[in-house]
Protein backbone atom coordinates (compact mmCIF):
# COMPACT_ATOMS: atom_id res chain seq x y z
CA UNK A 1 -17.21 -22.01 60.10
CA UNK A 2 -17.87 -23.14 56.24
CA UNK A 3 -16.14 -26.52 55.34
CA UNK A 4 -12.84 -26.68 53.00
CA UNK A 5 -13.83 -27.27 49.48
CA UNK A 6 -11.07 -30.33 49.03
CA UNK A 7 -10.48 -31.77 52.36
CA UNK A 8 -13.70 -30.97 54.37
CA UNK A 9 -12.08 -29.11 57.72
CA UNK A 10 -12.44 -26.27 59.27
CA UNK A 11 -11.68 -23.28 56.76
CA UNK A 12 -9.16 -20.88 57.37
CA UNK A 13 -9.13 -17.49 55.09
CA UNK A 14 -8.22 -18.64 52.04
CA UNK A 15 -10.77 -17.83 49.64
CA UNK A 16 -10.28 -18.27 45.71
CA UNK A 17 -13.03 -16.39 42.84
CA UNK A 18 -12.18 -18.03 39.44
CA UNK A 19 -11.02 -14.92 37.74
CA UNK A 20 -12.50 -12.56 40.83
CA UNK A 21 -15.84 -12.74 39.00
CA UNK A 22 -18.09 -13.34 42.17
CA UNK A 23 -20.72 -12.51 40.29
CA UNK A 24 -20.38 -15.38 37.70
CA UNK A 25 -18.04 -17.61 39.98
CA UNK A 26 -18.69 -19.19 43.61
CA UNK A 27 -16.28 -18.71 46.38
CA UNK A 28 -14.82 -21.89 47.27
CA UNK A 29 -12.72 -21.64 50.69
CA UNK A 30 -10.17 -24.05 52.15
CA UNK A 31 -8.26 -25.19 54.96
CA UNK A 32 -4.77 -23.75 54.05
CA UNK A 33 -3.07 -22.82 50.96
CA UNK A 34 -2.24 -26.56 49.42
CA UNK A 35 -5.50 -26.52 49.16
CA UNK A 36 -5.83 -23.24 48.13
CA UNK A 37 -3.17 -24.82 45.13
CA UNK A 38 -5.59 -27.23 44.38
CA UNK A 39 -8.44 -26.20 44.59
CA UNK A 40 -7.00 -22.80 41.91
CA UNK A 41 -5.86 -25.57 39.67
CA UNK A 42 -9.11 -27.82 38.60
CA UNK A 43 -11.47 -24.83 39.57
CA UNK A 44 -8.99 -22.81 36.40
CA UNK A 45 -9.55 -26.22 34.66
CA UNK A 46 -13.05 -26.34 35.10
CA UNK A 47 -14.07 -22.62 34.04
CA UNK A 48 -14.03 -21.84 37.65
CA UNK A 49 -16.29 -25.32 39.33
CA UNK A 50 -14.15 -27.25 41.58
CA UNK A 51 -17.32 -29.94 41.03
CA UNK A 52 -20.31 -30.72 39.63
CA UNK A 53 -22.88 -32.45 41.48
CA UNK A 54 -24.28 -35.28 40.32
CA UNK A 55 -27.59 -33.27 39.83
CA UNK A 56 -25.28 -31.08 36.96
CA UNK A 57 -23.77 -33.74 35.25
CA UNK A 58 -26.91 -35.68 34.33
CA UNK A 59 -28.90 -32.03 33.02
CA UNK A 60 -25.55 -31.45 30.73
CA UNK A 61 -25.42 -34.69 29.63
CA UNK A 62 -29.15 -34.84 29.03
CA UNK A 63 -29.11 -31.56 27.07
CA UNK A 64 -26.14 -33.07 24.21
CA UNK A 65 -30.16 -34.49 22.75
CA UNK A 66 -31.54 -30.96 22.83
CA UNK A 67 -28.57 -29.49 21.89
CA UNK A 68 -28.39 -32.13 18.48
CA UNK A 69 -31.68 -31.52 17.25
CA UNK A 70 -31.50 -28.60 17.47
CA UNK A 71 -28.61 -28.86 15.22
CA UNK A 72 -29.62 -31.14 12.85
CA UNK A 73 -32.84 -28.75 12.04
CA UNK A 74 -30.10 -25.97 11.54
CA UNK A 75 -27.81 -28.03 9.03
CA UNK A 76 -25.58 -27.17 11.43
CA UNK A 77 -24.18 -31.29 12.66
CA UNK A 78 -21.48 -31.50 10.45
CA UNK A 79 -19.30 -29.64 12.09
CA UNK A 80 -19.49 -31.07 15.78
CA UNK A 81 -19.93 -34.40 14.56
CA UNK A 82 -16.80 -35.67 15.42
CA UNK A 83 -16.40 -33.45 18.32
CA UNK A 84 -16.02 -35.21 21.70
CA UNK A 85 -18.58 -35.66 24.37
CA UNK A 86 -16.48 -33.08 26.42
CA UNK A 87 -16.41 -30.22 23.82
CA UNK A 88 -19.89 -31.08 23.05
CA UNK A 89 -20.08 -30.03 26.81
CA UNK A 90 -18.78 -27.29 26.78
CA UNK A 91 -20.46 -25.35 24.03
CA UNK A 92 -23.91 -26.72 26.31
CA UNK A 93 -22.03 -24.90 29.81
CA UNK A 94 -21.11 -21.94 27.57
CA UNK A 95 -24.45 -21.24 27.10
CA UNK A 96 -25.76 -22.04 30.28
CA UNK A 97 -22.88 -19.86 31.97
CA UNK A 98 -24.35 -17.09 29.33
CA UNK A 99 -27.96 -17.18 29.66
CA UNK A 100 -27.40 -17.25 33.53
CA UNK A 101 -25.09 -14.42 33.84
CA UNK A 102 -27.84 -11.96 31.59
CA UNK A 103 -30.29 -12.77 33.46
CA UNK A 104 -28.07 -11.82 36.90
CA UNK A 105 -27.46 -8.82 34.70
CA UNK A 106 -30.72 -8.19 34.22
CA UNK A 107 -32.10 -8.57 37.98
CA UNK A 108 -29.11 -6.48 38.74
CA UNK A 109 -30.43 -3.49 36.73
CA UNK A 110 -33.67 -4.05 38.15
CA UNK A 111 -34.88 -5.24 34.53
CA UNK A 112 -37.28 -7.72 36.50
CA UNK A 113 -40.29 -8.83 34.18
CA UNK A 114 -43.70 -8.59 35.82
């Protein structure tokens, strides 16, 4: 049995998938409507994720430097200069999400490179 995504007790048939898009977002299991409501609220605030792993958080942080280098090379750094780390992270996450979604769509269409 899957553990509740909030409290780790046994899940009891309460599920949440952000925007009902199981092809793009994980499905979370919960033990009660209370945990479901909390989990859904967290996922809505975090674009479908309840919590990022330590590795995901580190990868996003590490990607900031590469984004800054490309923006500087292209002369696009000025609009990003006063943005917060959270806003920069949203840009990075949107790029990663779009890339993954495209790869998944292509795979579903049997467009797998040889």
